[in-house]
């Protein structure tokens, strides 16, 4: 009998909450997590990131760079391949050369947009 009373009480209390949410779209829901705006999650698309590293390999349209930490992405130092769509940037990157570069995320790729 106690279990039935608890189940009925729980159903009575949750019903209004579901009814209130029924008319809400996802865009109307608050998107905060631990004080951070979810629209600005790490590595958000379109955000320009800066790093410094050493070129370890140059391919047709990709370059592998052993870079230091990237604060804007909360990445540690690592070695990774980046896509390079602008061929003029490829001329600025030679194996074993230190570079300061900027990149953006495009889909699953990280694309170098600037090299110094």
N, C-alpha and C. Protein backbone atom coordinates (compact mmCIF):
# COMPACT_ATOMS: atom_id res chain seq x y z
N UNK A 1 0.82 -1.19 0.00
CA UNK A 1 0.00 0.00 0.00
C UNK A 1 0.87 1.26 0.00
N UNK A 2 1.98 1.22 0.78
CA UNK A 2 2.89 2.36 0.83
C UNK A 2 3.49 2.63 -0.55
N UNK A 3 3.88 1.55 -1.24
CA UNK A 3 4.50 1.68 -2.57
C UNK A 3 3.53 2.31 -3.56
N UNK A 4 2.27 1.91 -3.50
CA UNK A 4 1.27 2.46 -4.39
C UNK A 4 1.09 3.95 -4.13
N UNK A 5 1.06 4.35 -2.89
CA UNK A 5 0.91 5.75 -2.53
C UNK A 5 2.10 6.57 -3.02
N UNK A 6 3.32 6.03 -2.89
CA UNK A 6 4.52 6.74 -3.35
C UNK A 6 4.50 6.87 -4.86
N UNK A 7 4.11 5.80 -5.56
CA UNK A 7 4.05 5.83 -7.02
C UNK A 7 3.03 6.85 -7.50
N UNK A 8 1.87 6.92 -6.87
CA UNK A 8 0.84 7.89 -7.25
C UNK A 8 1.31 9.32 -6.97
N UNK A 9 1.98 9.52 -5.87
CA UNK A 9 2.50 10.84 -5.52
C UNK A 9 3.55 11.28 -6.54
N UNK A 10 4.45 10.37 -6.91
CA UNK A 10 5.49 10.68 -7.89
C UNK A 10 4.86 11.03 -9.24
N UNK A 11 3.86 10.28 -9.66
CA UNK A 11 3.19 10.54 -10.93
C UNK A 11 2.48 11.89 -10.90
N UNK A 12 1.87 12.22 -9.78
CA UNK A 12 1.16 13.49 -9.66
C UNK A 12 2.11 14.68 -9.72
N UNK A 13 3.31 14.52 -9.15
CA UNK A 13 4.27 15.62 -9.12
C UNK A 13 4.99 15.80 -10.46
N UNK A 14 5.24 14.73 -11.20
CA UNK A 14 5.97 14.85 -12.46
C UNK A 14 5.07 15.23 -13.63
N UNK A 15 3.81 14.97 -13.53
CA UNK A 15 2.87 15.31 -14.62
C UNK A 15 2.92 16.77 -15.02
N UNK A 16 2.82 17.73 -14.07
CA UNK A 16 2.88 19.15 -14.44
C UNK A 16 4.21 19.55 -15.07
N UNK A 17 5.29 18.93 -14.64
CA UNK A 17 6.61 19.27 -15.21
C UNK A 17 6.66 18.87 -16.67
N UNK A 18 6.17 17.68 -17.01
CA UNK A 18 6.16 17.24 -18.41
C UNK A 18 5.21 18.10 -19.24
N UNK A 19 4.08 18.46 -18.67
CA UNK A 19 3.12 19.30 -19.40
C UNK A 19 3.73 20.66 -19.71
N UNK A 20 4.51 21.19 -18.78
CA UNK A 20 5.14 22.49 -18.97
C UNK A 20 6.20 22.42 -20.07
N UNK A 21 6.93 21.32 -20.15
CA UNK A 21 7.98 21.16 -21.15
C UNK A 21 7.44 20.82 -22.54
N UNK A 22 6.20 20.36 -22.62
CA UNK A 22 5.63 19.89 -23.88
C UNK A 22 5.71 20.96 -24.98
N UNK A 23 5.48 22.20 -24.65
CA UNK A 23 5.48 23.27 -25.64
C UNK A 23 6.84 23.89 -25.91
N UNK A 24 7.89 23.39 -25.26
CA UNK A 24 9.23 23.98 -25.41
C UNK A 24 9.97 23.36 -26.57
N UNK A 25 10.71 24.19 -27.30
CA UNK A 25 11.65 23.71 -28.31
C UNK A 25 13.01 23.64 -27.66
N UNK A 26 13.95 22.92 -28.30
CA UNK A 26 15.31 22.85 -27.77
C UNK A 26 15.94 24.24 -27.70
N UNK A 27 15.60 25.11 -28.63
CA UNK A 27 16.19 26.46 -28.63
C UNK A 27 15.77 27.26 -27.40
N UNK A 28 14.63 26.88 -26.80
CA UNK A 28 14.14 27.59 -25.62
C UNK A 28 14.76 27.08 -24.32
N UNK A 29 15.44 25.93 -24.40
CA UNK A 29 15.98 25.34 -23.19
C UNK A 29 17.32 25.98 -22.83
N UNK A 30 17.57 26.19 -21.56
CA UNK A 30 18.86 26.76 -21.15
C UNK A 30 19.97 25.77 -21.47
N UNK A 31 21.05 26.27 -22.08
CA UNK A 31 22.16 25.41 -22.48
C UNK A 31 23.42 25.77 -21.70
N UNK A 32 23.35 25.74 -20.41
CA UNK A 32 24.50 26.05 -19.57
C UNK A 32 24.96 24.78 -18.88
N UNK A 33 26.27 24.62 -18.79
CA UNK A 33 26.84 23.46 -18.09
C UNK A 33 28.03 23.96 -17.29
N UNK A 34 27.92 23.90 -15.99
CA UNK A 34 29.00 24.34 -15.10
C UNK A 34 29.44 25.77 -15.41
N UNK A 35 28.47 26.63 -15.71
CA UNK A 35 28.78 28.03 -15.94
C UNK A 35 29.32 28.35 -17.33
N UNK A 36 29.43 27.36 -18.20
CA UNK A 36 29.96 27.61 -19.55
C UNK A 36 28.81 27.62 -20.54
N UNK A 37 28.84 28.55 -21.47
CA UNK A 37 27.84 28.62 -22.52
C UNK A 37 28.14 27.51 -23.51
N UNK A 38 27.21 26.60 -23.73
CA UNK A 38 27.44 25.45 -24.60
C UNK A 38 27.66 25.87 -26.05
N UNK A 39 27.20 27.06 -26.43
CA UNK A 39 27.44 27.53 -27.79
C UNK A 39 28.91 27.83 -28.02
N UNK A 40 29.66 28.02 -26.95
CA UNK A 40 31.08 28.31 -27.06
C UNK A 40 31.90 27.15 -26.52
N UNK A 41 31.45 25.94 -26.80
CA UNK A 41 32.19 24.78 -26.31
C UNK A 41 33.55 24.74 -26.97
N UNK A 42 34.48 24.04 -26.34
CA UNK A 42 35.85 24.05 -26.84
C UNK A 42 35.89 23.58 -28.29
N UNK A 43 36.70 24.27 -29.06
CA UNK A 43 36.86 23.90 -30.45
C UNK A 43 35.65 24.22 -31.31
N UNK A 44 34.90 25.23 -30.92
CA UNK A 44 33.72 25.57 -31.69
C UNK A 44 34.09 25.86 -33.13
N UNK A 45 33.26 25.40 -34.05
CA UNK A 45 33.52 25.60 -35.47
C UNK A 45 33.59 27.07 -35.79
N UNK A 46 34.54 27.44 -36.64
CA UNK A 46 34.70 28.83 -37.05
C UNK A 46 35.64 29.62 -36.18
N UNK A 47 35.91 29.16 -34.97
CA UNK A 47 36.82 29.86 -34.07
C UNK A 47 38.26 29.66 -34.56
N UNK A 48 39.03 30.74 -34.58
CA UNK A 48 40.42 30.66 -35.02
C UNK A 48 41.30 30.33 -33.82
N UNK A 49 42.15 29.33 -33.99
CA UNK A 49 43.05 28.88 -32.92
C UNK A 49 44.49 29.15 -33.35
N UNK A 50 45.36 29.47 -32.38
CA UNK A 50 46.76 29.79 -32.66
C UNK A 50 47.66 28.78 -31.97
N UNK A 51 48.75 28.44 -32.67
CA UNK A 51 49.71 27.49 -32.09
C UNK A 51 51.09 27.72 -32.68
N UNK A 52 52.08 27.16 -32.02
CA UNK A 52 53.46 27.19 -32.49
C UNK A 52 53.97 25.76 -32.49
N UNK A 53 54.71 25.41 -33.55
CA UNK A 53 55.22 24.05 -33.60
C UNK A 53 56.28 23.88 -34.66
N UNK A 54 56.71 22.64 -34.84
CA UNK A 54 57.73 22.29 -35.82
C UNK A 54 57.12 21.36 -36.85
N UNK A 55 57.30 21.70 -38.11
CA UNK A 55 56.79 20.88 -39.21
C UNK A 55 57.58 19.57 -39.25
N UNK A 56 56.90 18.44 -39.22
CA UNK A 56 57.58 17.15 -39.26
C UNK A 56 57.36 16.41 -40.58
N UNK A 57 56.31 16.80 -41.32
CA UNK A 57 56.02 16.13 -42.59
C UNK A 57 55.16 17.04 -43.45
N UNK A 58 55.45 17.06 -44.75
CA UNK A 58 54.66 17.86 -45.70
C UNK A 58 54.18 16.93 -46.80
N UNK A 59 52.87 16.87 -47.02
CA UNK A 59 52.27 16.08 -48.08
C UNK A 59 51.60 17.02 -49.08
N UNK A 60 50.78 16.45 -49.97
CA UNK A 60 50.08 17.23 -50.99
C UNK A 60 49.28 18.39 -50.41
N UNK A 61 48.29 18.06 -49.60
CA UNK A 61 47.44 19.09 -49.00
C UNK A 61 47.36 18.95 -47.48
N UNK A 62 48.32 18.26 -46.90
CA UNK A 62 48.37 18.10 -45.45
C UNK A 62 49.78 18.36 -44.95
N UNK A 63 49.83 18.81 -43.71
CA UNK A 63 51.12 19.05 -43.06
C UNK A 63 51.00 18.51 -41.63
N UNK A 64 52.04 17.82 -41.19
CA UNK A 64 52.05 17.31 -39.82
C UNK A 64 52.94 18.24 -39.00
N UNK A 65 52.40 18.71 -37.89
CA UNK A 65 53.11 19.67 -37.04
C UNK A 65 53.14 19.15 -35.61
N UNK A 66 54.32 19.16 -35.02
CA UNK A 66 54.48 18.84 -33.60
C UNK A 66 54.34 20.18 -32.89
N UNK A 67 53.16 20.41 -32.30
CA UNK A 67 52.87 21.74 -31.73
C UNK A 67 52.78 21.71 -30.21
N UNK A 68 52.90 22.89 -29.64
CA UNK A 68 52.75 23.05 -28.20
C UNK A 68 51.28 23.05 -27.83
N UNK A 69 50.97 23.28 -26.56
CA UNK A 69 49.57 23.32 -26.12
C UNK A 69 48.77 24.39 -26.86
N UNK A 70 47.51 24.08 -27.12
CA UNK A 70 46.59 25.03 -27.75
C UNK A 70 45.53 25.35 -26.71
N UNK A 71 45.69 26.50 -26.06
CA UNK A 71 44.81 26.87 -24.94
C UNK A 71 43.35 26.95 -25.36
N UNK A 72 43.07 27.54 -26.53
CA UNK A 72 41.68 27.72 -26.95
C UNK A 72 40.96 26.39 -27.19
N UNK A 73 41.72 25.32 -27.42
CA UNK A 73 41.13 24.00 -27.63
C UNK A 73 41.29 23.12 -26.39
N UNK A 74 42.06 23.62 -25.41
CA UNK A 74 42.40 22.85 -24.21
C UNK A 74 43.13 21.57 -24.61
N UNK A 75 43.99 21.68 -25.61
CA UNK A 75 44.81 20.57 -26.10
C UNK A 75 46.18 20.61 -25.46
N UNK A 76 46.73 19.47 -25.14
CA UNK A 76 48.13 19.42 -24.71
C UNK A 76 49.03 19.46 -25.94
N UNK A 77 50.32 19.53 -25.73
CA UNK A 77 51.27 19.45 -26.85
C UNK A 77 51.12 18.09 -27.51
N UNK A 78 51.19 18.07 -28.84
CA UNK A 78 51.06 16.81 -29.58
C UNK A 78 51.53 17.00 -31.02
N UNK A 79 51.56 15.92 -31.74
CA UNK A 79 51.89 15.95 -33.16
C UNK A 79 50.65 15.52 -33.91
N UNK A 80 50.24 16.31 -34.92
CA UNK A 80 49.04 15.95 -35.67
C UNK A 80 49.07 16.52 -37.07
N UNK A 81 48.26 15.93 -37.94
CA UNK A 81 48.18 16.36 -39.33
C UNK A 81 47.06 17.41 -39.47
N UNK A 82 47.36 18.46 -40.22
CA UNK A 82 46.40 19.51 -40.53
C UNK A 82 46.19 19.54 -42.03
N UNK A 83 44.99 19.87 -42.45
CA UNK A 83 44.70 20.08 -43.86
C UNK A 83 45.13 21.50 -44.22
N UNK A 84 45.64 21.66 -45.44
CA UNK A 84 46.01 22.99 -45.93
C UNK A 84 45.35 23.15 -47.30
N UNK A 85 44.34 24.01 -47.37
CA UNK A 85 43.61 24.17 -48.63
C UNK A 85 44.24 25.21 -49.54
N UNK A 86 44.93 26.18 -48.96
CA UNK A 86 45.58 27.24 -49.75
C UNK A 86 47.01 26.81 -50.05
N UNK A 87 47.27 26.50 -51.32
CA UNK A 87 48.59 25.98 -51.71
C UNK A 87 49.72 26.96 -51.43
N UNK A 88 49.43 28.26 -51.41
CA UNK A 88 50.48 29.24 -51.13
C UNK A 88 51.02 29.08 -49.70
N UNK A 89 50.21 28.57 -48.80
CA UNK A 89 50.66 28.33 -47.42
C UNK A 89 51.63 27.15 -47.37
N UNK A 90 51.44 26.21 -48.28
CA UNK A 90 52.33 25.03 -48.30
C UNK A 90 53.77 25.45 -48.57
N UNK A 91 53.97 26.51 -49.36
CA UNK A 91 55.32 26.99 -49.67
C UNK A 91 56.03 27.54 -48.43
N UNK A 92 55.25 27.94 -47.43
CA UNK A 92 55.83 28.51 -46.21
C UNK A 92 56.20 27.46 -45.17
N UNK A 93 55.90 26.19 -45.48
CA UNK A 93 56.14 25.14 -44.50
C UNK A 93 57.12 24.10 -45.04
N UNK A 94 58.26 24.04 -44.42
CA UNK A 94 59.31 23.08 -44.79
C UNK A 94 59.57 22.17 -43.59
N UNK A 95 59.94 20.93 -43.88
CA UNK A 95 60.24 19.97 -42.81
C UNK A 95 61.31 20.53 -41.87
N UNK A 96 61.12 20.31 -40.58
CA UNK A 96 62.01 20.73 -39.49
C UNK A 96 62.03 22.25 -39.28
N UNK A 97 61.08 22.97 -39.85
CA UNK A 97 61.01 24.41 -39.69
C UNK A 97 59.98 24.75 -38.60
N UNK A 98 60.32 25.71 -37.74
CA UNK A 98 59.41 26.16 -36.70
C UNK A 98 58.43 27.16 -37.29
N UNK A 99 57.13 27.00 -36.97
CA UNK A 99 56.10 27.89 -37.52
C UNK A 99 55.13 28.33 -36.43
N UNK A 100 54.64 29.55 -36.59
CA UNK A 100 53.49 30.04 -35.83
C UNK A 100 52.34 29.94 -36.82
N UNK A 101 51.24 29.30 -36.42
CA UNK A 101 50.15 29.11 -37.37
C UNK A 101 48.80 29.28 -36.70
N UNK A 102 47.81 29.52 -37.55
CA UNK A 102 46.42 29.61 -37.11
C UNK A 102 45.64 28.55 -37.85
N UNK A 103 44.60 28.02 -37.20
CA UNK A 103 43.77 27.01 -37.84
C UNK A 103 42.34 27.10 -37.35
N UNK A 104 41.44 26.52 -38.13
CA UNK A 104 40.03 26.45 -37.77
C UNK A 104 39.56 25.01 -37.94
N UNK A 105 38.45 24.69 -37.30
CA UNK A 105 37.86 23.37 -37.47
C UNK A 105 36.81 23.47 -38.56
N UNK A 106 36.89 22.57 -39.54
CA UNK A 106 35.89 22.48 -40.60
C UNK A 106 35.45 21.03 -40.68
N UNK A 107 34.28 20.76 -40.13
CA UNK A 107 33.83 19.37 -40.04
C UNK A 107 34.75 18.59 -39.12
N UNK A 108 35.31 17.51 -39.64
CA UNK A 108 36.23 16.69 -38.83
C UNK A 108 37.68 17.12 -39.04
N UNK A 109 37.90 18.06 -39.96
CA UNK A 109 39.27 18.49 -40.28
C UNK A 109 39.67 19.74 -39.50
N UNK A 110 40.98 19.87 -39.29
CA UNK A 110 41.54 21.08 -38.74
C UNK A 110 42.37 21.69 -39.87
N UNK A 111 42.02 22.91 -40.27
CA UNK A 111 42.56 23.50 -41.49
C UNK A 111 43.43 24.70 -41.15
N UNK A 112 44.69 24.67 -41.60
CA UNK A 112 45.62 25.78 -41.40
C UNK A 112 45.15 26.95 -42.28
N UNK A 113 45.01 28.12 -41.66
CA UNK A 113 44.56 29.31 -42.39
C UNK A 113 45.64 30.38 -42.51
N UNK A 114 46.68 30.28 -41.69
CA UNK A 114 47.74 31.29 -41.69
C UNK A 114 49.03 30.67 -41.16
N UNK A 115 50.17 31.07 -41.75
CA UNK A 115 51.47 30.58 -41.30
C UNK A 115 52.46 31.72 -41.29
N UNK A 116 53.27 31.79 -40.23
CA UNK A 116 54.32 32.82 -40.12
C UNK A 116 55.63 32.14 -39.83
